[in-house]
Amino acid sequence: MLADQLMADYRHAARLTAKERAMLDFAVTVTTRTAACAESDLELLRDAGWTDEEIMDIGEVAAMFNFTNRLANAFGWVPNEEYHSLGR
């Protein structure tokens, strides 16, 4: 299942397009090396077919997930029982 492949390691997911991989690569950079983000990262996204508005959305979603995950970790929050069976 694609969701499981993405969760394990999106770089090995078979059904991703080059455009989707570029998006996920950028989200990882935002997550792990924010200070390293550069205009060249944005150009890679544009070259893959993303608009500037879509690139902003990608950055915002990645940043928001990082924010909420850090809050959850700080406060010891865990998903409810239904979470792990959603969409499967």
Protein backbone atom coordinates (compact mmCIF):
# COMPACT_ATOMS: atom_id res chain seq x y z
CA MET A 1 0.00 0.00 0.00
CA LEU A 2 1.34 3.41 -0.96
CA ALA A 3 0.71 4.97 2.47
CA ASP A 4 2.84 2.29 4.10
CA GLN A 5 5.61 2.79 1.53
CA LEU A 6 5.57 6.54 2.12
CA MET A 7 5.70 6.06 5.87
CA ALA A 8 8.61 3.63 5.66
CA ASP A 9 10.67 5.61 3.11
CA TYR A 10 9.12 7.59 0.27
CA ARG A 11 12.35 7.27 -1.75
CA HIS A 12 11.46 3.63 -2.37
CA ALA A 13 7.75 4.13 -3.13
CA ALA A 14 7.12 2.79 -6.61
CA ARG A 15 4.15 4.89 -7.70
CA LEU A 16 5.51 8.40 -7.08
CA THR A 17 6.04 10.82 -9.94
CA ALA A 18 9.17 12.95 -10.24
CA LYS A 19 7.03 15.93 -9.25
CA GLU A 20 5.87 14.20 -6.06
CA ARG A 21 9.42 13.14 -5.20
CA ALA A 22 10.62 16.73 -5.57
CA MET A 23 7.89 17.85 -3.17
CA LEU A 24 8.82 15.22 -0.59
CA ASP A 25 12.54 15.97 -0.95
CA PHE A 26 11.80 19.62 -0.18
CA ALA A 27 9.61 18.70 2.80
CA VAL A 28 12.49 16.63 4.18
CA THR A 29 14.87 19.55 3.72
CA VAL A 30 12.44 21.86 5.53
CA THR A 31 12.25 19.30 8.33
CA THR A 32 15.87 18.28 8.73
CA ARG A 33 17.98 21.13 7.35
CA THR A 34 15.85 24.28 7.34
CA ALA A 35 18.83 26.60 7.33
CA ALA A 36 20.11 24.86 4.20
CA CYS A 37 17.01 25.73 2.16
CA ALA A 38 18.05 27.88 -0.79
CA GLU A 39 16.70 29.33 -4.01
CA SER A 40 18.06 26.25 -5.78
CA ASP A 41 15.58 24.10 -3.79
CA LEU A 42 12.74 26.28 -5.03
CA GLU A 43 14.04 26.08 -8.59
CA LEU A 44 14.01 22.28 -8.38
CA LEU A 45 10.35 22.43 -7.39
CA ARG A 46 9.53 24.89 -10.18
CA ASP A 47 11.37 22.69 -12.68
CA ALA A 48 9.29 19.73 -11.46
CA GLY A 49 6.10 21.67 -12.24
CA TRP A 50 5.12 23.29 -8.93
CA THR A 51 3.90 26.89 -8.91
CA ASP A 52 5.17 29.41 -6.37
CA GLU A 53 1.81 29.27 -4.58
CA GLU A 54 2.01 25.47 -4.39
CA ILE A 55 5.60 25.68 -3.14
CA MET A 56 4.44 27.99 -0.36
CA ASP A 57 1.74 25.47 0.54
CA ILE A 58 4.31 22.65 0.64
CA GLY A 59 6.53 24.67 2.97
CA GLU A 60 3.63 25.66 5.21
CA VAL A 61 2.31 22.11 5.52
CA ALA A 62 5.78 20.72 6.29
CA ALA A 63 6.39 23.43 8.89
CA MET A 64 2.98 22.90 10.51
CA PHE A 65 3.49 19.14 10.77
CA ASN A 66 6.90 19.77 12.34
CA PHE A 67 5.35 22.21 14.80
CA THR A 68 2.51 19.92 15.86
CA ASN A 69 4.78 16.87 16.09
CA ARG A 70 7.16 18.75 18.36
CA LEU A 71 4.26 19.81 20.59
CA ALA A 72 3.01 16.23 20.72
CA ASN A 73 6.47 15.00 21.64
CA ALA A 74 6.93 17.69 24.29
CA PHE A 75 3.62 16.89 25.97
CA GLY A 76 3.64 13.12 25.46
CA TRP A 77 0.54 13.13 23.28
CA VAL A 78 -0.22 9.88 21.44
CA PRO A 79 -2.71 9.21 18.63
CA ASN A 80 -6.08 7.76 19.53
CA GLU A 81 -6.74 4.09 18.76
CA GLU A 82 -8.55 4.84 15.49
CA TYR A 83 -5.58 6.76 14.03
CA HIS A 84 -3.53 3.73 12.98
CA SER A 85 -6.42 2.09 11.11
CA LEU A 86 -7.54 5.18 9.16
CA GLY A 87 -7.32 4.78 5.41
CA ARG A 88 -6.23 1.17 5.59
